[in-house]
């Protein structure tokens, strides 16, 4: 699979962000990409009210991306916000594929950590999502999800060959190092390629001063053996990468973690 990682920094205007996304989709398609992955919050960055920008998957923002995906023949994953039944919104990954209606993955694990309370305005998702893209099974996770290995092992158990992780990672002491470690650890946990695409470190002074997670960059691709095959710095970068998905089967045969995994929760325990 040829894919593009779009490590960009989005602002607070969904229309301006949409224009940038479409431009990058066209460039990636012209370079032969099957898939382009944008960060979490590609629709609108964190740090401002998101209720007013949320739209359903059949709304104008997602529909325009779906139309362009069909027009240029590329699949796209981009972070957006959709309405929730309980009055909050969902932190949603839009998945648009040529000729198909868009689908969404709602972030399961919410970032109620490091002094931020995502659940105050965002409702958690309640299902995993795997989509076929370019003949391969692709699973989805978002940002803080990467701290929960069971999501990745479950996606692998359900057949995912590659897992994409759009993010808007929070800055702070040790946070970059945690992000990089977690990407490779989750690839090893699941014996799956992990493509983690973050918001670039913002240059907008308002975003830089925000206490919200607005991105640190450092997008990364780790293969099923945990090897790093692409590593970005903190600035904006959009680039193409060829992924050998046959390594998924090789890793699973060699490491045998799926075959050897036991349900630890079913075992008796001793605490001395």
Protein backbone atom coordinates (compact mmCIF):
# COMPACT_ATOMS: atom_id res chain seq x y z
CA UNK A 1 0.00 0.00 0.00
CA UNK A 2 1.18 3.52 -0.76
CA UNK A 3 0.00 6.03 1.80
CA UNK A 4 0.54 9.66 2.64
CA UNK A 5 0.97 11.02 6.16
CA UNK A 6 -0.28 14.60 6.36
CA UNK A 7 1.27 16.13 9.46
CA UNK A 8 -0.37 19.54 9.28
CA UNK A 9 -1.47 22.13 11.82
CA UNK A 10 -5.13 23.04 11.55
CA UNK A 11 -6.79 26.23 12.70
CA UNK A 12 -10.24 27.14 13.97
CA UNK A 13 -12.01 27.63 10.62
CA UNK A 14 -13.38 24.31 9.26
CA UNK A 15 -13.69 25.75 5.73
CA UNK A 16 -10.04 26.82 5.62
CA UNK A 17 -8.99 23.44 6.98
CA UNK A 18 -11.18 21.70 4.39
CA UNK A 19 -9.47 23.59 1.56
CA UNK A 20 -6.06 22.47 2.83
CA UNK A 21 -7.23 18.86 3.19
CA UNK A 22 -8.57 18.76 -0.36
CA UNK A 23 -5.36 20.24 -1.75
CA UNK A 24 -3.31 17.57 0.02
CA UNK A 25 -5.69 14.83 -1.13
CA UNK A 26 -5.19 15.87 -4.75
CA UNK A 27 -1.41 15.97 -4.40
CA UNK A 28 -1.29 12.56 -2.70
CA UNK A 29 -3.53 11.02 -5.37
CA UNK A 30 -1.29 12.41 -8.11
CA UNK A 31 1.62 10.68 -6.36
CA UNK A 32 -0.16 7.32 -6.51
CA UNK A 33 -1.28 7.11 -2.88
CA UNK A 34 -4.06 4.67 -1.98
CA UNK A 35 -4.68 6.40 1.35
CA UNK A 36 -3.94 9.75 2.98
CA UNK A 37 -4.14 10.11 6.77
CA UNK A 38 -4.72 13.49 8.43
CA UNK A 39 -4.51 14.22 12.16
CA UNK A 40 -7.18 14.19 14.82
CA UNK A 41 -9.08 17.51 14.92
CA UNK A 42 -8.36 18.18 11.25
CA UNK A 43 -11.77 19.84 11.04
CA UNK A 44 -10.96 22.31 13.84
CA UNK A 45 -8.17 22.38 16.39
CA UNK A 46 -8.74 21.86 20.09
CA UNK A 47 -8.82 24.82 22.46
CA UNK A 48 -12.04 26.42 21.17
CA UNK A 49 -15.72 25.45 21.39
CA UNK A 50 -16.31 22.50 19.09
CA UNK A 51 -20.08 22.19 19.52
CA UNK A 52 -20.85 24.74 16.84
CA UNK A 53 -18.56 23.15 14.24
CA UNK A 54 -19.79 19.55 14.66
CA UNK A 55 -21.58 18.06 11.64
CA UNK A 56 -22.97 14.61 10.82
CA UNK A 57 -21.13 12.30 8.45
CA UNK A 58 -23.60 13.24 5.71
CA UNK A 59 -23.10 16.96 6.35
CA UNK A 60 -21.35 19.33 3.94
CA UNK A 61 -17.83 19.06 5.44
CA UNK A 62 -17.56 15.26 5.28
CA UNK A 63 -19.55 15.05 2.05
CA UNK A 64 -17.12 17.34 0.27
CA UNK A 65 -14.18 15.17 1.31
CA UNK A 66 -16.07 12.04 0.20
CA UNK A 67 -16.82 13.63 -3.18
CA UNK A 68 -13.16 14.49 -3.76
CA UNK A 69 -12.09 11.01 -2.62
CA UNK A 70 -14.26 9.56 -5.38
CA UNK A 71 -13.16 12.18 -7.90
CA UNK A 72 -9.41 11.57 -7.51
CA UNK A 73 -9.55 7.92 -6.42
CA UNK A 74 -8.01 8.07 -2.96
CA UNK A 75 -9.15 6.99 0.50
CA UNK A 76 -8.85 9.50 3.33
CA UNK A 77 -8.93 9.47 7.13
CA UNK A 78 -9.39 12.82 8.88
CA UNK A 79 -10.41 13.87 12.37
CA UNK A 80 -13.71 15.72 12.69
CA UNK A 81 -16.51 16.21 15.22
CA UNK A 82 -20.04 14.83 14.93
CA UNK A 83 -23.17 15.36 17.08
CA UNK A 84 -23.93 12.93 19.91
CA UNK A 85 -27.39 11.91 21.11
CA UNK A 86 -26.64 13.08 24.67
CA UNK A 87 -25.99 16.72 23.75
CA UNK A 88 -22.23 16.36 23.62
CA UNK A 89 -20.30 15.62 20.43
CA UNK A 90 -18.16 12.71 19.22
CA UNK A 91 -14.47 12.93 18.37
CA UNK A 92 -14.81 11.14 15.05
CA UNK A 93 -12.46 9.84 12.41
CA UNK A 94 -14.02 10.34 9.00
CA UNK A 95 -13.16 7.44 6.68
CA UNK A 96 -13.97 8.26 3.05
CA UNK A 97 -13.33 5.77 0.25
CA UNK A 98 -13.89 6.20 -3.50
CA UNK A 99 -17.47 5.42 -4.49
CA UNK A 100 -18.61 4.48 -0.99
CA UNK A 101 -20.55 6.41 1.65
CA UNK A 102 -18.34 7.78 4.43
CA UNK A 103 -18.10 5.92 7.73
CA UNK A 104 -16.81 7.06 11.11
CA UNK A 105 -14.90 5.80 14.11
CA UNK A 106 -15.79 7.56 17.38
CA UNK A 107 -12.87 7.78 19.81
CA UNK A 108 -13.39 5.24 22.59
CA UNK A 109 -10.93 6.41 25.25
CA UNK A 110 -11.36 10.07 26.15
CA UNK A 111 -8.49 12.27 27.28
CA UNK A 112 -9.40 12.99 30.89
CA UNK A 113 -5.76 13.31 31.89
CA UNK A 114 -2.97 15.83 32.43
CA UNK A 115 -5.57 18.40 33.54
CA UNK A 116 -7.70 18.13 30.38
CA UNK A 117 -11.30 16.83 30.47
CA UNK A 118 -12.36 15.69 27.03
CA UNK A 119 -15.43 13.89 28.37
CA UNK A 120 -16.97 17.16 29.54
CA UNK A 121 -17.98 17.93 25.95
CA UNK A 122 -17.27 14.72 24.03
CA UNK A 123 -19.09 11.40 24.32
CA UNK A 124 -17.09 8.15 23.99
CA UNK A 125 -17.52 5.74 21.13
CA UNK A 126 -18.73 2.20 21.74
CA UNK A 127 -17.46 0.13 18.80
CA UNK A 128 -14.29 -0.75 16.96
CA UNK A 129 -14.10 -0.07 13.23
CA UNK A 130 -12.20 -1.85 10.46
CA UNK A 131 -12.54 -0.80 6.81
CA UNK A 132 -11.23 -2.33 3.61
CA UNK A 133 -8.89 0.07 1.83
CA UNK A 134 -6.95 -0.90 -1.30
CA UNK A 135 -7.75 -4.55 -0.59
CA UNK A 136 -6.46 -4.49 2.99
CA UNK A 137 -8.14 -4.41 6.40
CA UNK A 138 -7.42 -1.10 8.16
CA UNK A 139 -8.30 -0.48 11.80
CA UNK A 140 -8.71 2.86 13.54
CA UNK A 141 -7.73 4.45 16.84
CA UNK A 142 -7.40 8.06 17.94
CA UNK A 143 -4.69 9.75 20.00
CA UNK A 144 -5.26 8.77 23.68
CA UNK A 145 -6.51 5.34 22.47
CA UNK A 146 -2.85 4.49 21.92
CA UNK A 147 -2.35 4.11 25.67
CA UNK A 148 -4.72 1.11 25.68
CA UNK A 149 -3.07 -1.97 24.13
CA UNK A 150 -6.22 -4.07 24.30
CA UNK A 151 -7.83 -1.97 21.56
CA UNK A 152 -4.95 -2.72 19.22
CA UNK A 153 -4.80 -6.41 19.99
CA UNK A 154 -8.56 -6.65 19.47
CA UNK A 155 -8.33 -4.88 16.10
CA UNK A 156 -5.61 -7.34 15.11
CA UNK A 157 -7.73 -10.27 16.30
CA UNK A 158 -10.54 -9.01 14.08
CA UNK A 159 -8.26 -8.97 11.06
CA UNK A 160 -6.67 -5.52 10.87
CA UNK A 161 -3.41 -5.54 8.90
CA UNK A 162 -2.70 -1.86 9.50
CA UNK A 163 -3.94 0.51 12.21
CA UNK A 164 -4.01 4.26 11.66
CA UNK A 165 -3.86 6.59 14.66
CA UNK A 166 -4.61 10.26 13.97
CA UNK A 167 -3.66 12.39 16.96
CA UNK A 168 -3.41 15.88 18.40
CA UNK A 169 -0.92 15.00 21.12
CA UNK A 170 -0.52 17.25 24.12
CA UNK A 171 2.82 18.91 24.77
CA UNK A 172 4.66 18.59 28.07
CA UNK A 173 7.65 17.01 29.80
CA UNK A 174 8.25 13.53 28.43
CA UNK A 175 5.15 13.56 26.22
CA UNK A 176 6.98 13.28 22.88
CA UNK A 177 9.00 10.34 24.17
CA UNK A 178 5.83 8.64 25.43
CA UNK A 179 4.16 9.10 22.05
CA UNK A 180 7.06 7.61 20.12
CA UNK A 181 7.37 4.67 22.51
CA UNK A 182 3.64 3.97 22.45
CA UNK A 183 3.46 3.88 18.64
CA UNK A 184 6.14 1.21 18.41
CA UNK A 185 4.80 -0.68 21.44
CA UNK A 186 1.31 -0.92 19.96
CA UNK A 187 2.78 -2.20 16.68
CA UNK A 188 4.56 -4.93 18.64
CA UNK A 189 1.50 -5.68 20.79
CA UNK A 190 -0.67 -6.27 17.76
CA UNK A 191 1.95 -7.44 15.21
CA UNK A 192 0.48 -4.82 12.92
CA UNK A 193 1.76 -1.78 11.07
CA UNK A 194 0.82 1.35 13.05
CA UNK A 195 0.60 4.62 11.14
CA UNK A 196 0.39 7.44 13.69
CA UNK A 197 -0.20 10.92 12.27
CA UNK A 198 -0.15 13.90 14.60
CA UNK A 199 -0.95 17.56 14.37
CA UNK A 200 2.25 19.48 13.71
CA UNK A 201 3.51 21.70 16.49
CA UNK A 202 1.42 24.85 16.02
CA UNK A 203 2.93 28.13 14.91
CA UNK A 204 -0.20 30.18 15.70
CA UNK A 205 0.49 32.05 18.97
CA UNK A 206 -3.05 31.43 20.27
CA UNK A 207 -2.71 27.70 19.74
CA UNK A 208 0.74 27.63 21.32
CA UNK A 209 -0.63 29.32 24.44
CA UNK A 210 -3.64 27.00 24.70
CA UNK A 211 -3.73 24.40 27.47
CA UNK A 212 -5.55 22.06 25.07
CA UNK A 213 -3.65 19.33 23.17
CA UNK A 214 -2.78 21.08 19.90
CA UNK A 215 -0.03 18.79 18.64
CA UNK A 216 3.68 18.08 18.84
CA UNK A 217 4.21 16.49 15.41
CA UNK A 218 6.52 13.45 15.37
CA UNK A 219 4.30 11.29 13.20
CA UNK A 220 5.64 7.76 12.92
CA UNK A 221 5.17 4.46 11.12
CA UNK A 222 6.22 1.32 13.00
CA UNK A 223 6.12 -2.10 11.39
CA UNK A 224 4.86 -5.30 13.09
CA UNK A 225 8.33 -6.01 14.50
CA UNK A 226 8.43 -2.56 16.12
CA UNK A 227 10.94 -1.15 13.65
CA UNK A 228 10.50 2.53 12.83
CA UNK A 229 10.16 2.97 9.06
CA UNK A 230 9.17 6.65 9.02
CA UNK A 231 9.74 9.33 11.64
CA UNK A 232 8.87 13.04 11.32
CA UNK A 233 10.02 16.01 13.33
CA UNK A 234 7.70 18.62 14.87
CA UNK A 235 7.00 20.81 11.82
CA UNK A 236 4.51 20.42 9.00
CA UNK A 237 5.30 17.64 6.55
CA UNK A 238 3.27 15.65 4.02
CA UNK A 239 5.02 12.68 2.46
CA UNK A 240 4.42 9.36 0.70
CA UNK A 241 5.39 5.95 2.08
CA UNK A 242 5.19 2.44 0.62
CA UNK A 243 4.10 -0.12 3.21
CA UNK A 244 4.86 -3.83 2.76
CA UNK A 245 1.84 -5.42 4.41
CA UNK A 246 3.19 -8.93 3.85
CA UNK A 247 5.30 -8.24 6.95
CA UNK A 248 2.12 -8.48 9.00
CA UNK A 249 1.74 -12.20 8.27
CA UNK A 250 5.49 -12.74 8.72
CA UNK A 251 5.46 -11.07 12.13
CA UNK A 252 2.41 -12.94 13.32
CA UNK A 253 3.92 -16.26 12.26
CA UNK A 254 7.30 -15.48 13.85
CA UNK A 255 6.13 -13.87 17.09
CA UNK A 256 3.00 -16.02 17.47
CA UNK A 257 1.50 -13.60 19.98
CA UNK A 258 -2.01 -14.22 18.69
CA UNK A 259 -1.70 -17.98 18.99
CA UNK A 260 0.02 -17.83 22.37
CA UNK A 261 -2.11 -15.15 24.03
CA UNK A 262 -4.10 -16.27 27.08
CA UNK A 263 -6.96 -14.50 28.82
CA UNK A 264 -5.20 -13.39 32.00
CA UNK A 265 -8.48 -12.17 33.47
CA UNK A 266 -9.76 -15.76 33.60
CA UNK A 267 -6.84 -16.96 35.71
CA UNK A 268 -6.73 -17.16 39.50
CA UNK A 269 -4.38 -14.71 41.16
CA UNK A 270 -2.23 -14.62 44.26
CA UNK A 271 -1.39 -11.49 46.20
CA UNK A 272 1.10 -12.05 48.98
